[in-house]
Amino acid sequence: MPVKRTIPKNYGTYFITFTCYDWQPLIDMVNGYDIIYNWFDHLKTKGHFINGYVIMPNHLHAVISFANTAKVLIQSLVTEKDLWLMK
């Protein structure tokens, strides 16, 4: 059962999980590991820090420290992952 929570702050360290639709091994099927690494690189260029992560064929766990993003909520940075999936 998916749970979507809004992150109300613009800084902090968070444990984040992304799961594939119906727990299918989509990350492995499309060799999406590079997409995730590119998203991590994108976050790093914005001053954020990837503390740790585990990528599995059907989901991802990550501990990410978000720098103060001024008026940009972390929620919008996390959902930017959708842009990387479209490339």
N, C-alpha and C. Protein backbone atom coordinates (compact mmCIF):
# COMPACT_ATOMS: atom_id res chain seq x y z
N MET A 1 0.84 -1.17 0.00
CA MET A 1 0.00 0.00 0.00
C MET A 1 0.88 1.23 0.00
N PRO A 2 0.80 2.05 -1.02
CA PRO A 2 1.66 3.23 -1.10
C PRO A 2 1.26 4.30 -0.08
N VAL A 3 2.28 4.93 0.43
CA VAL A 3 2.07 6.04 1.35
C VAL A 3 2.87 7.22 0.83
N LYS A 4 2.18 8.30 0.58
CA LYS A 4 2.86 9.50 0.10
C LYS A 4 2.77 10.56 1.20
N ARG A 5 3.92 10.99 1.65
CA ARG A 5 3.96 12.00 2.71
C ARG A 5 4.58 13.27 2.16
N THR A 6 4.04 14.38 2.56
CA THR A 6 4.59 15.66 2.16
C THR A 6 5.68 16.05 3.14
N ILE A 7 6.80 16.50 2.62
CA ILE A 7 7.90 16.97 3.47
C ILE A 7 7.74 18.48 3.60
N PRO A 8 7.39 18.95 4.79
CA PRO A 8 7.04 20.37 4.94
C PRO A 8 8.23 21.32 5.07
N LYS A 9 9.43 20.80 5.17
CA LYS A 9 10.60 21.66 5.39
C LYS A 9 11.41 21.80 4.11
N ASN A 10 12.37 22.72 4.15
CA ASN A 10 13.24 22.91 3.00
C ASN A 10 14.69 22.54 3.32
N TYR A 11 14.90 21.74 4.37
CA TYR A 11 16.24 21.25 4.72
C TYR A 11 16.07 20.05 5.65
N GLY A 12 17.14 19.28 5.83
CA GLY A 12 17.11 18.15 6.76
C GLY A 12 17.58 16.87 6.11
N THR A 13 17.69 15.83 6.94
CA THR A 13 18.10 14.51 6.48
C THR A 13 16.90 13.59 6.52
N TYR A 14 16.67 12.89 5.41
CA TYR A 14 15.48 12.06 5.29
C TYR A 14 15.82 10.68 4.73
N PHE A 15 15.07 9.68 5.20
CA PHE A 15 15.11 8.33 4.65
C PHE A 15 13.98 8.26 3.63
N ILE A 16 14.32 7.98 2.38
CA ILE A 16 13.35 8.01 1.29
C ILE A 16 13.35 6.66 0.59
N THR A 17 12.16 6.18 0.25
CA THR A 17 12.02 4.92 -0.48
C THR A 17 11.17 5.17 -1.73
N PHE A 18 11.63 4.65 -2.86
CA PHE A 18 10.86 4.65 -4.09
C PHE A 18 10.62 3.19 -4.46
N THR A 19 9.40 2.88 -4.83
CA THR A 19 9.10 1.51 -5.27
C THR A 19 8.55 1.54 -6.69
N CYS A 20 8.80 0.47 -7.41
CA CYS A 20 8.28 0.33 -8.77
C CYS A 20 6.84 -0.13 -8.71
N TYR A 21 6.12 0.16 -9.77
CA TYR A 21 4.73 -0.24 -9.88
C TYR A 21 4.57 -1.74 -9.66
N ASP A 22 3.68 -2.08 -8.76
CA ASP A 22 3.34 -3.48 -8.49
C ASP A 22 4.57 -4.32 -8.11
N TRP A 23 5.58 -3.67 -7.57
CA TRP A 23 6.82 -4.30 -7.13
C TRP A 23 7.53 -5.08 -8.25
N GLN A 24 7.30 -4.67 -9.47
CA GLN A 24 7.97 -5.33 -10.59
C GLN A 24 9.43 -4.87 -10.62
N PRO A 25 10.34 -5.70 -11.10
CA PRO A 25 11.76 -5.34 -11.13
C PRO A 25 12.10 -4.40 -12.30
N LEU A 26 11.41 -3.28 -12.36
CA LEU A 26 11.56 -2.36 -13.50
C LEU A 26 12.94 -1.72 -13.56
N ILE A 27 13.53 -1.43 -12.41
CA ILE A 27 14.86 -0.81 -12.42
C ILE A 27 15.84 -1.75 -13.12
N ASP A 28 15.73 -3.01 -12.82
CA ASP A 28 16.62 -4.00 -13.44
C ASP A 28 16.25 -4.24 -14.90
N MET A 29 14.95 -4.29 -15.20
CA MET A 29 14.50 -4.60 -16.56
C MET A 29 14.93 -3.54 -17.57
N VAL A 30 14.94 -2.26 -17.15
CA VAL A 30 15.31 -1.19 -18.07
C VAL A 30 16.73 -0.69 -17.81
N ASN A 31 17.44 -1.41 -16.95
CA ASN A 31 18.80 -1.00 -16.57
C ASN A 31 18.79 0.47 -16.12
N GLY A 32 17.89 0.77 -15.18
CA GLY A 32 17.67 2.13 -14.72
C GLY A 32 18.64 2.62 -13.67
N TYR A 33 19.69 1.87 -13.40
CA TYR A 33 20.65 2.26 -12.37
C TYR A 33 21.31 3.60 -12.71
N ASP A 34 21.66 3.79 -13.97
CA ASP A 34 22.28 5.06 -14.39
C ASP A 34 21.33 6.24 -14.20
N ILE A 35 20.05 6.02 -14.39
CA ILE A 35 19.07 7.08 -14.18
C ILE A 35 19.10 7.54 -12.73
N ILE A 36 19.17 6.58 -11.82
CA ILE A 36 19.22 6.91 -10.39
C ILE A 36 20.52 7.62 -10.06
N TYR A 37 21.63 7.13 -10.59
CA TYR A 37 22.92 7.79 -10.33
C TYR A 37 22.92 9.22 -10.90
N ASN A 38 22.31 9.42 -12.05
CA ASN A 38 22.23 10.77 -12.62
C ASN A 38 21.38 11.68 -11.74
N TRP A 39 20.32 11.15 -11.16
CA TRP A 39 19.49 11.94 -10.25
C TRP A 39 20.28 12.31 -9.00
N PHE A 40 21.06 11.35 -8.48
CA PHE A 40 21.93 11.65 -7.34
C PHE A 40 22.92 12.77 -7.70
N ASP A 41 23.53 12.67 -8.88
CA ASP A 41 24.47 13.72 -9.32
C ASP A 41 23.77 15.07 -9.42
N HIS A 42 22.55 15.07 -9.91
CA HIS A 42 21.77 16.30 -10.02
C HIS A 42 21.55 16.91 -8.63
N LEU A 43 21.18 16.08 -7.66
CA LEU A 43 20.99 16.58 -6.30
C LEU A 43 22.29 17.14 -5.73
N LYS A 44 23.40 16.45 -5.98
CA LYS A 44 24.70 16.92 -5.48
C LYS A 44 25.06 18.28 -6.06
N THR A 45 24.75 18.51 -7.33
CA THR A 45 25.08 19.81 -7.92
C THR A 45 24.27 20.93 -7.29
N LYS A 46 23.15 20.59 -6.66
CA LYS A 46 22.34 21.59 -5.97
C LYS A 46 22.74 21.74 -4.51
N GLY A 47 23.84 21.07 -4.09
CA GLY A 47 24.37 21.22 -2.74
C GLY A 47 23.86 20.23 -1.72
N HIS A 48 23.18 19.17 -2.17
CA HIS A 48 22.65 18.17 -1.26
C HIS A 48 23.66 17.02 -1.15
N PHE A 49 23.48 16.17 -0.13
CA PHE A 49 24.44 15.10 0.14
C PHE A 49 23.72 13.77 0.23
N ILE A 50 24.24 12.78 -0.50
CA ILE A 50 23.70 11.42 -0.45
C ILE A 50 24.48 10.68 0.63
N ASN A 51 23.85 10.43 1.77
CA ASN A 51 24.52 9.76 2.89
C ASN A 51 24.69 8.27 2.65
N GLY A 52 23.73 7.67 2.01
CA GLY A 52 23.78 6.24 1.73
C GLY A 52 22.58 5.83 0.90
N TYR A 53 22.71 4.71 0.24
CA TYR A 53 21.60 4.24 -0.58
C TYR A 53 21.76 2.75 -0.87
N VAL A 54 20.64 2.13 -1.21
CA VAL A 54 20.62 0.76 -1.67
C VAL A 54 19.65 0.72 -2.84
N ILE A 55 20.13 0.25 -3.97
CA ILE A 55 19.28 0.12 -5.15
C ILE A 55 19.03 -1.36 -5.39
N MET A 56 17.77 -1.74 -5.41
CA MET A 56 17.39 -3.11 -5.69
C MET A 56 16.58 -3.15 -6.98
N PRO A 57 16.36 -4.29 -7.56
CA PRO A 57 15.68 -4.36 -8.86
C PRO A 57 14.30 -3.69 -8.89
N ASN A 58 13.63 -3.62 -7.73
CA ASN A 58 12.27 -3.08 -7.74
C ASN A 58 12.05 -1.92 -6.77
N HIS A 59 13.08 -1.48 -6.07
CA HIS A 59 12.93 -0.32 -5.19
C HIS A 59 14.28 0.26 -4.80
N LEU A 60 14.21 1.44 -4.21
CA LEU A 60 15.40 2.18 -3.82
C LEU A 60 15.19 2.74 -2.42
N HIS A 61 16.21 2.61 -1.58
CA HIS A 61 16.23 3.27 -0.28
C HIS A 61 17.39 4.26 -0.32
N ALA A 62 17.17 5.45 0.21
CA ALA A 62 18.25 6.45 0.24
C ALA A 62 18.12 7.32 1.48
N VAL A 63 19.26 7.69 2.04
CA VAL A 63 19.30 8.68 3.12
C VAL A 63 19.96 9.90 2.50
N ILE A 64 19.19 10.98 2.41
CA ILE A 64 19.65 12.17 1.71
C ILE A 64 19.56 13.36 2.66
N SER A 65 20.66 14.12 2.74
CA SER A 65 20.67 15.37 3.51
C SER A 65 20.46 16.50 2.53
N PHE A 66 19.37 17.21 2.72
CA PHE A 66 19.04 18.33 1.86
C PHE A 66 19.54 19.61 2.50
N ALA A 67 20.31 20.38 1.73
CA ALA A 67 20.77 21.69 2.19
C ALA A 67 19.58 22.63 2.19
N ASN A 68 19.73 23.75 2.83
CA ASN A 68 18.66 24.74 2.84
C ASN A 68 18.36 25.15 1.41
N THR A 69 17.15 24.91 0.99
CA THR A 69 16.77 25.17 -0.40
C THR A 69 15.94 26.44 -0.54
N ALA A 70 16.05 27.32 0.44
CA ALA A 70 15.30 28.59 0.45
C ALA A 70 13.81 28.32 0.35
N LYS A 71 13.19 28.73 -0.73
CA LYS A 71 11.74 28.59 -0.86
C LYS A 71 11.31 27.32 -1.58
N VAL A 72 12.28 26.49 -1.98
CA VAL A 72 11.96 25.26 -2.69
C VAL A 72 11.79 24.14 -1.67
N LEU A 73 10.62 23.52 -1.65
CA LEU A 73 10.39 22.41 -0.74
C LEU A 73 11.12 21.16 -1.22
N ILE A 74 11.53 20.34 -0.28
CA ILE A 74 12.21 19.10 -0.62
C ILE A 74 11.31 18.23 -1.50
N GLN A 75 10.02 18.29 -1.26
CA GLN A 75 9.07 17.49 -2.04
C GLN A 75 9.27 17.69 -3.54
N SER A 76 9.51 18.93 -3.95
CA SER A 76 9.70 19.19 -5.38
C SER A 76 11.02 18.63 -5.87
N LEU A 77 12.05 18.59 -5.02
CA LEU A 77 13.33 18.02 -5.43
C LEU A 77 13.23 16.51 -5.57
N VAL A 78 12.48 15.89 -4.67
CA VAL A 78 12.32 14.45 -4.72
C VAL A 78 11.53 14.05 -5.95
N THR A 79 10.49 14.81 -6.29
CA THR A 79 9.68 14.44 -7.45
C THR A 79 10.36 14.78 -8.77
N GLU A 80 11.50 15.48 -8.74
CA GLU A 80 12.27 15.72 -9.96
C GLU A 80 12.77 14.42 -10.55
N LYS A 81 12.77 13.35 -9.77
CA LYS A 81 13.21 12.06 -10.29
C LYS A 81 12.42 11.66 -11.52
N ASP A 82 11.14 12.10 -11.58
CA ASP A 82 10.31 11.79 -12.75
C ASP A 82 10.90 12.36 -14.02
N LEU A 83 11.56 13.49 -13.93
CA LEU A 83 12.19 14.09 -15.11
C LEU A 83 13.32 13.22 -15.62
N TRP A 84 14.07 12.60 -14.71
CA TRP A 84 15.18 11.75 -15.13
C TRP A 84 14.67 10.47 -15.78
N LEU A 85 13.50 10.01 -15.37
CA LEU A 85 12.97 8.79 -15.96
C LEU A 85 12.51 9.00 -17.40
N MET A 86 12.21 10.24 -17.74
CA MET A 86 11.74 10.55 -19.09
C MET A 86 12.87 10.70 -20.09
N LYS A 87 14.09 10.85 -19.62
CA LYS A 87 15.22 11.06 -20.54
C LYS A 87 15.64 9.77 -21.18
